[in-house]
Amino acid sequence: MAHIKRLSFIFLIIIIISSCNQTTERNCTKFYTGKYFSETNIDGVQYKSTFKRDSSGLQIEEFNGKTDSSKVRWINNCEMVLSTINPKNNIDKKNILIKILETTDTSYTYEYSYLGEAKKVKASAFKIGN
């Protein structure tokens, strides 16, 4: 009987420990469209922008008083590639890979980089409208 109580106690401890291990939510599809505010910190400088994505695959972003349009191509549920529609220089011609890492009801954390480059930057986007 003591053996069964001991096993029950161990089983209970395992259940408690495993229930404390929360998983990261990644419901990315709810962020395919909408209006967002984004911020990131690069080398101690805070950058902010607003952007709107629609169901046709268009993203329009306002950053530092400039407006840019990009084509959005989702490569899986949580990763997309942005391609500038009217690039003005060689940097604008580079596609950007965005990977959503974690979501909440109204925001998501993501990392982005130029396609094929190893350096990644983390940022957050907050939904501010439809």
N, C-alpha and C. Protein backbone atom coordinates (compact mmCIF):
# COMPACT_ATOMS: atom_id res chain seq x y z
N MET A 1 0.81 -1.19 0.00
CA MET A 1 0.00 0.00 0.00
C MET A 1 0.86 1.26 0.00
N ALA A 2 1.96 1.23 0.73
CA ALA A 2 2.86 2.39 0.78
C ALA A 2 3.45 2.66 -0.60
N HIS A 3 3.68 1.59 -1.35
CA HIS A 3 4.23 1.71 -2.70
C HIS A 3 3.26 2.47 -3.62
N ILE A 4 1.96 2.19 -3.52
CA ILE A 4 0.95 2.86 -4.34
C ILE A 4 0.85 4.33 -3.95
N LYS A 5 0.90 4.62 -2.66
CA LYS A 5 0.85 6.02 -2.21
C LYS A 5 2.06 6.79 -2.73
N ARG A 6 3.20 6.14 -2.71
CA ARG A 6 4.43 6.79 -3.19
C ARG A 6 4.32 7.08 -4.70
N LEU A 7 3.84 6.11 -5.48
CA LEU A 7 3.67 6.32 -6.91
C LEU A 7 2.64 7.41 -7.19
N SER A 8 1.56 7.44 -6.41
CA SER A 8 0.53 8.48 -6.56
C SER A 8 1.12 9.85 -6.29
N PHE A 9 1.96 9.95 -5.26
CA PHE A 9 2.59 11.22 -4.92
C PHE A 9 3.53 11.67 -6.04
N ILE A 10 4.34 10.77 -6.57
CA ILE A 10 5.25 11.10 -7.68
C ILE A 10 4.44 11.53 -8.91
N PHE A 11 3.38 10.82 -9.21
CA PHE A 11 2.52 11.16 -10.35
C PHE A 11 1.92 12.55 -10.17
N LEU A 12 1.48 12.87 -8.96
CA LEU A 12 0.92 14.19 -8.66
C LEU A 12 1.97 15.29 -8.86
N ILE A 13 3.17 15.06 -8.42
CA ILE A 13 4.25 16.04 -8.59
C ILE A 13 4.54 16.26 -10.08
N ILE A 14 4.56 15.20 -10.85
CA ILE A 14 4.80 15.32 -12.30
C ILE A 14 3.70 16.14 -12.95
N ILE A 15 2.46 15.92 -12.59
CA ILE A 15 1.34 16.69 -13.15
C ILE A 15 1.46 18.17 -12.78
N ILE A 16 1.81 18.46 -11.55
CA ILE A 16 1.95 19.86 -11.12
C ILE A 16 3.07 20.55 -11.88
N ILE A 17 4.20 19.89 -12.00
CA ILE A 17 5.34 20.48 -12.70
C ILE A 17 5.01 20.70 -14.17
N SER A 18 4.40 19.73 -14.81
CA SER A 18 4.09 19.87 -16.24
C SER A 18 3.01 20.92 -16.48
N SER A 19 2.11 21.13 -15.54
CA SER A 19 1.08 22.16 -15.73
C SER A 19 1.65 23.55 -15.56
N CYS A 20 2.76 23.69 -14.88
CA CYS A 20 3.40 25.00 -14.72
C CYS A 20 4.19 25.40 -15.96
N ASN A 21 4.49 24.45 -16.80
CA ASN A 21 5.26 24.72 -18.01
C ASN A 21 4.32 25.24 -19.09
N GLN A 22 4.19 26.57 -19.18
CA GLN A 22 3.27 27.16 -20.14
C GLN A 22 3.88 27.13 -21.54
N THR A 23 3.05 26.91 -22.52
CA THR A 23 3.51 26.93 -23.90
C THR A 23 3.28 28.31 -24.49
N THR A 24 4.10 28.67 -25.45
CA THR A 24 3.99 29.95 -26.12
C THR A 24 2.89 29.86 -27.17
N GLU A 25 1.97 30.83 -27.13
CA GLU A 25 0.88 30.86 -28.10
C GLU A 25 1.42 31.37 -29.43
N ARG A 26 0.98 30.76 -30.52
CA ARG A 26 1.35 31.23 -31.86
C ARG A 26 0.13 31.10 -32.77
N ASN A 27 -0.83 31.98 -32.59
CA ASN A 27 -1.99 32.03 -33.46
C ASN A 27 -1.75 33.14 -34.49
N CYS A 28 -0.92 32.86 -35.46
CA CYS A 28 -0.43 33.87 -36.40
C CYS A 28 -1.48 34.32 -37.42
N THR A 29 -2.41 33.46 -37.77
CA THR A 29 -3.34 33.79 -38.85
C THR A 29 -4.23 34.98 -38.51
N LYS A 30 -4.45 35.26 -37.23
CA LYS A 30 -5.28 36.42 -36.88
C LYS A 30 -4.55 37.74 -37.11
N PHE A 31 -3.28 37.69 -37.51
CA PHE A 31 -2.51 38.90 -37.79
C PHE A 31 -2.19 39.06 -39.28
N TYR A 32 -2.88 38.31 -40.12
CA TYR A 32 -2.66 38.44 -41.57
C TYR A 32 -3.12 39.79 -42.10
N THR A 33 -4.14 40.36 -41.48
CA THR A 33 -4.66 41.66 -41.91
C THR A 33 -4.82 42.55 -40.68
N GLY A 34 -4.92 43.85 -40.92
CA GLY A 34 -5.15 44.80 -39.84
C GLY A 34 -4.17 45.95 -39.86
N LYS A 35 -4.37 46.87 -38.93
CA LYS A 35 -3.50 48.03 -38.77
C LYS A 35 -2.69 47.84 -37.49
N TYR A 36 -1.38 48.15 -37.55
CA TYR A 36 -0.47 47.85 -36.46
C TYR A 36 0.46 49.02 -36.16
N PHE A 37 0.93 49.03 -34.93
CA PHE A 37 2.00 49.89 -34.46
C PHE A 37 3.14 48.96 -34.10
N SER A 38 4.34 49.25 -34.57
CA SER A 38 5.48 48.38 -34.31
C SER A 38 6.62 49.18 -33.71
N GLU A 39 7.38 48.51 -32.84
CA GLU A 39 8.57 49.15 -32.30
C GLU A 39 9.67 48.14 -32.12
N THR A 40 10.90 48.63 -32.33
CA THR A 40 12.08 47.79 -32.17
C THR A 40 13.22 48.65 -31.67
N ASN A 41 14.19 48.01 -31.05
CA ASN A 41 15.36 48.72 -30.55
C ASN A 41 16.58 48.14 -31.25
N ILE A 42 17.29 49.00 -31.99
CA ILE A 42 18.49 48.56 -32.70
C ILE A 42 19.65 49.43 -32.24
N ASP A 43 20.64 48.79 -31.64
CA ASP A 43 21.83 49.49 -31.13
C ASP A 43 21.46 50.67 -30.24
N GLY A 44 20.47 50.48 -29.38
CA GLY A 44 20.09 51.50 -28.42
C GLY A 44 19.16 52.58 -28.96
N VAL A 45 18.77 52.47 -30.22
CA VAL A 45 17.87 53.46 -30.83
C VAL A 45 16.50 52.82 -31.01
N GLN A 46 15.47 53.51 -30.52
CA GLN A 46 14.09 53.03 -30.63
C GLN A 46 13.49 53.47 -31.97
N TYR A 47 12.99 52.51 -32.74
CA TYR A 47 12.35 52.79 -34.02
C TYR A 47 10.87 52.41 -33.93
N LYS A 48 10.02 53.29 -34.46
CA LYS A 48 8.58 53.05 -34.44
C LYS A 48 8.01 53.24 -35.83
N SER A 49 6.99 52.45 -36.14
CA SER A 49 6.32 52.59 -37.43
C SER A 49 4.87 52.14 -37.28
N THR A 50 4.05 52.51 -38.25
CA THR A 50 2.70 51.97 -38.34
C THR A 50 2.56 51.35 -39.71
N PHE A 51 1.76 50.31 -39.79
CA PHE A 51 1.55 49.66 -41.08
C PHE A 51 0.19 49.01 -41.10
N LYS A 52 -0.30 48.81 -42.32
CA LYS A 52 -1.59 48.16 -42.54
C LYS A 52 -1.40 47.08 -43.59
N ARG A 53 -1.91 45.88 -43.27
CA ARG A 53 -1.88 44.74 -44.19
C ARG A 53 -3.29 44.39 -44.56
N ASP A 54 -3.53 44.14 -45.86
CA ASP A 54 -4.87 43.75 -46.28
C ASP A 54 -4.87 42.35 -46.87
N SER A 55 -6.05 41.86 -47.18
CA SER A 55 -6.20 40.48 -47.65
C SER A 55 -5.68 40.26 -49.06
N SER A 56 -5.40 41.34 -49.79
CA SER A 56 -4.86 41.20 -51.15
C SER A 56 -3.35 40.98 -51.15
N GLY A 57 -2.72 41.03 -49.97
CA GLY A 57 -1.27 40.84 -49.89
C GLY A 57 -0.49 42.13 -49.98
N LEU A 58 -1.11 43.23 -49.65
CA LEU A 58 -0.46 44.54 -49.68
C LEU A 58 -0.21 45.01 -48.25
N GLN A 59 1.00 45.52 -48.01
CA GLN A 59 1.31 46.15 -46.73
C GLN A 59 1.81 47.56 -47.01
N ILE A 60 1.20 48.54 -46.35
CA ILE A 60 1.60 49.94 -46.48
C ILE A 60 2.13 50.38 -45.13
N GLU A 61 3.38 50.86 -45.12
CA GLU A 61 4.04 51.22 -43.86
C GLU A 61 4.46 52.67 -43.87
N GLU A 62 4.27 53.33 -42.73
CA GLU A 62 4.75 54.69 -42.52
C GLU A 62 5.87 54.65 -41.49
N PHE A 63 7.05 55.17 -41.90
CA PHE A 63 8.23 55.16 -41.04
C PHE A 63 9.04 56.41 -41.31
N ASN A 64 9.32 57.17 -40.26
CA ASN A 64 10.10 58.41 -40.38
C ASN A 64 9.56 59.36 -41.44
N GLY A 65 8.25 59.49 -41.49
CA GLY A 65 7.63 60.42 -42.43
C GLY A 65 7.56 59.92 -43.87
N LYS A 66 7.97 58.69 -44.11
CA LYS A 66 7.93 58.11 -45.46
C LYS A 66 6.93 56.96 -45.49
N THR A 67 6.30 56.79 -46.65
CA THR A 67 5.35 55.70 -46.84
C THR A 67 5.91 54.74 -47.88
N ASP A 68 5.94 53.46 -47.56
CA ASP A 68 6.40 52.42 -48.47
C ASP A 68 5.33 51.35 -48.58
N SER A 69 5.25 50.75 -49.74
CA SER A 69 4.31 49.65 -49.98
C SER A 69 5.10 48.38 -50.30
N SER A 70 4.64 47.28 -49.74
CA SER A 70 5.29 46.00 -49.97
C SER A 70 4.26 44.94 -50.30
N LYS A 71 4.70 43.96 -51.05
CA LYS A 71 3.89 42.78 -51.32
C LYS A 71 4.21 41.77 -50.22
N VAL A 72 3.15 41.18 -49.64
CA VAL A 72 3.29 40.19 -48.57
C VAL A 72 3.05 38.80 -49.16
N ARG A 73 4.00 37.90 -48.92
CA ARG A 73 3.82 36.52 -49.35
C ARG A 73 4.05 35.63 -48.13
N TRP A 74 2.96 34.99 -47.66
CA TRP A 74 3.07 34.08 -46.52
C TRP A 74 3.66 32.77 -46.99
N ILE A 75 4.74 32.32 -46.37
CA ILE A 75 5.37 31.06 -46.77
C ILE A 75 4.94 29.90 -45.87
N ASN A 76 4.41 30.22 -44.70
CA ASN A 76 3.72 29.26 -43.84
C ASN A 76 2.86 30.08 -42.88
N ASN A 77 2.21 29.46 -41.92
CA ASN A 77 1.27 30.18 -41.05
C ASN A 77 1.91 31.33 -40.29
N CYS A 78 3.21 31.25 -39.99
CA CYS A 78 3.85 32.25 -39.14
C CYS A 78 5.07 32.93 -39.77
N GLU A 79 5.29 32.74 -41.06
CA GLU A 79 6.42 33.40 -41.72
C GLU A 79 5.97 34.02 -43.03
N MET A 80 6.49 35.24 -43.26
CA MET A 80 6.15 35.96 -44.49
C MET A 80 7.40 36.61 -45.06
N VAL A 81 7.32 36.90 -46.34
CA VAL A 81 8.37 37.63 -47.04
C VAL A 81 7.76 38.93 -47.54
N LEU A 82 8.44 40.05 -47.25
CA LEU A 82 8.02 41.37 -47.75
C LEU A 82 8.92 41.77 -48.91
N SER A 83 8.31 42.19 -50.00
CA SER A 83 9.04 42.68 -51.17
C SER A 83 8.56 44.09 -51.46
N THR A 84 9.48 45.06 -51.43
CA THR A 84 9.12 46.45 -51.71
C THR A 84 8.60 46.56 -53.13
N ILE A 85 7.48 47.24 -53.30
CA ILE A 85 6.85 47.35 -54.62
C ILE A 85 7.61 48.30 -55.53
N ASN A 86 8.01 49.46 -55.03
CA ASN A 86 8.77 50.42 -55.83
C ASN A 86 10.10 50.74 -55.15
N PRO A 87 11.08 49.83 -55.25
CA PRO A 87 12.35 50.07 -54.55
C PRO A 87 13.07 51.30 -55.12
N LYS A 88 13.61 52.11 -54.21
CA LYS A 88 14.30 53.33 -54.61
C LYS A 88 15.82 53.16 -54.60
N ASN A 89 16.31 52.10 -53.97
CA ASN A 89 17.75 51.84 -53.92
C ASN A 89 17.98 50.34 -53.76
N ASN A 90 19.24 49.93 -53.70
CA ASN A 90 19.57 48.50 -53.63
C ASN A 90 19.08 47.85 -52.33
N ILE A 91 19.10 48.58 -51.23
CA ILE A 91 18.61 48.01 -49.97
C ILE A 91 17.12 47.73 -50.06
N ASP A 92 16.36 48.63 -50.69
CA ASP A 92 14.92 48.41 -50.85
C ASP A 92 14.61 47.19 -51.72
N LYS A 93 15.56 46.79 -52.55
CA LYS A 93 15.36 45.64 -53.42
C LYS A 93 15.48 44.31 -52.68
N LYS A 94 16.07 44.35 -51.47
CA LYS A 94 16.24 43.12 -50.70
C LYS A 94 14.91 42.75 -50.03
N ASN A 95 14.53 41.50 -50.14
CA ASN A 95 13.32 41.01 -49.48
C ASN A 95 13.59 40.83 -47.99
N ILE A 96 12.54 41.00 -47.19
CA ILE A 96 12.65 40.86 -45.74
C ILE A 96 11.84 39.65 -45.29
N LEU A 97 12.48 38.78 -44.51
CA LEU A 97 11.83 37.61 -43.94
C LEU A 97 11.37 37.96 -42.52
N ILE A 98 10.09 37.75 -42.25
CA ILE A 98 9.53 38.00 -40.92
C ILE A 98 8.97 36.70 -40.38
N LYS A 99 9.38 36.38 -39.15
CA LYS A 99 8.89 35.17 -38.48
C LYS A 99 8.23 35.57 -37.17
N ILE A 100 6.94 35.26 -37.03
CA ILE A 100 6.22 35.54 -35.79
C ILE A 100 6.61 34.47 -34.78
N LEU A 101 7.10 34.92 -33.63
CA LEU A 101 7.58 34.00 -32.60
C LEU A 101 6.53 33.69 -31.54
N GLU A 102 5.73 34.71 -31.19
CA GLU A 102 4.76 34.57 -30.11
C GLU A 102 3.62 35.55 -30.35
N THR A 103 2.41 35.15 -29.99
CA THR A 103 1.25 36.04 -30.16
C THR A 103 0.49 36.15 -28.85
N THR A 104 -0.26 37.26 -28.74
CA THR A 104 -1.25 37.45 -27.68
C THR A 104 -2.55 37.76 -28.41
N ASP A 105 -3.56 38.20 -27.69
CA ASP A 105 -4.81 38.58 -28.35
C ASP A 105 -4.65 39.78 -29.27
N THR A 106 -3.76 40.71 -28.93
CA THR A 106 -3.67 41.97 -29.67
C THR A 106 -2.26 42.32 -30.15
N SER A 107 -1.30 41.41 -30.00
CA SER A 107 0.06 41.73 -30.42
C SER A 107 0.82 40.47 -30.80
N TYR A 108 1.97 40.70 -31.41
CA TYR A 108 2.86 39.59 -31.68
C TYR A 108 4.32 40.05 -31.60
N THR A 109 5.18 39.13 -31.22
CA THR A 109 6.62 39.35 -31.20
C THR A 109 7.17 38.62 -32.41
N TYR A 110 8.08 39.28 -33.11
CA TYR A 110 8.62 38.68 -34.33
C TYR A 110 10.09 38.99 -34.46
N GLU A 111 10.74 38.24 -35.34
CA GLU A 111 12.11 38.55 -35.72
C GLU A 111 12.14 38.73 -37.22
N TYR A 112 13.03 39.59 -37.67
CA TYR A 112 13.12 39.83 -39.10
C TYR A 112 14.56 40.00 -39.53
N SER A 113 14.79 39.75 -40.79
CA SER A 113 16.12 39.90 -41.38
C SER A 113 15.96 40.02 -42.89
N TYR A 114 17.02 40.49 -43.53
CA TYR A 114 17.01 40.43 -44.98
C TYR A 114 17.10 38.96 -45.36
N LEU A 115 16.37 38.57 -46.37
CA LEU A 115 16.31 37.18 -46.79
C LEU A 115 17.73 36.66 -47.07
N GLY A 116 18.09 35.56 -46.44
CA GLY A 116 19.39 34.95 -46.64
C GLY A 116 20.47 35.44 -45.71
N GLU A 117 20.20 36.45 -44.89
CA GLU A 117 21.20 36.96 -43.96
C GLU A 117 20.97 36.40 -42.56
N ALA A 118 22.04 36.20 -41.84
CA ALA A 118 21.96 35.56 -40.52
C ALA A 118 21.54 36.53 -39.42
N LYS A 119 21.88 37.80 -39.53
CA LYS A 119 21.56 38.77 -38.47
C LYS A 119 20.06 39.00 -38.41
N LYS A 120 19.48 38.74 -37.23
CA LYS A 120 18.04 38.90 -37.03
C LYS A 120 17.79 39.94 -35.95
N VAL A 121 16.71 40.68 -36.10
CA VAL A 121 16.31 41.70 -35.13
C VAL A 121 14.93 41.33 -34.61
N LYS A 122 14.73 41.47 -33.29
CA LYS A 122 13.42 41.20 -32.69
C LYS A 122 12.64 42.50 -32.56
N ALA A 123 11.33 42.37 -32.70
CA ALA A 123 10.44 43.53 -32.57
C ALA A 123 9.08 43.05 -32.11
N SER A 124 8.21 44.01 -31.82
CA SER A 124 6.83 43.71 -31.42
C SER A 124 5.89 44.55 -32.25
N ALA A 125 4.73 43.99 -32.56
CA ALA A 125 3.68 44.71 -33.29
C ALA A 125 2.40 44.61 -32.47
N PHE A 126 1.67 45.74 -32.41
CA PHE A 126 0.46 45.83 -31.62
C PHE A 126 -0.69 46.21 -32.54
N LYS A 127 -1.75 45.42 -32.54
CA LYS A 127 -2.89 45.68 -33.42
C LYS A 127 -3.64 46.91 -32.91
N ILE A 128 -3.86 47.88 -33.81
CA ILE A 128 -4.55 49.12 -33.44
C ILE A 128 -5.80 49.34 -34.27
N GLY A 129 -6.12 48.43 -35.16
CA GLY A 129 -7.33 48.57 -35.97
C GLY A 129 -7.44 47.46 -37.00
N ASN A 130 -8.54 47.51 -37.74
CA ASN A 130 -8.77 46.50 -38.78
C ASN A 130 -8.36 46.98 -40.14
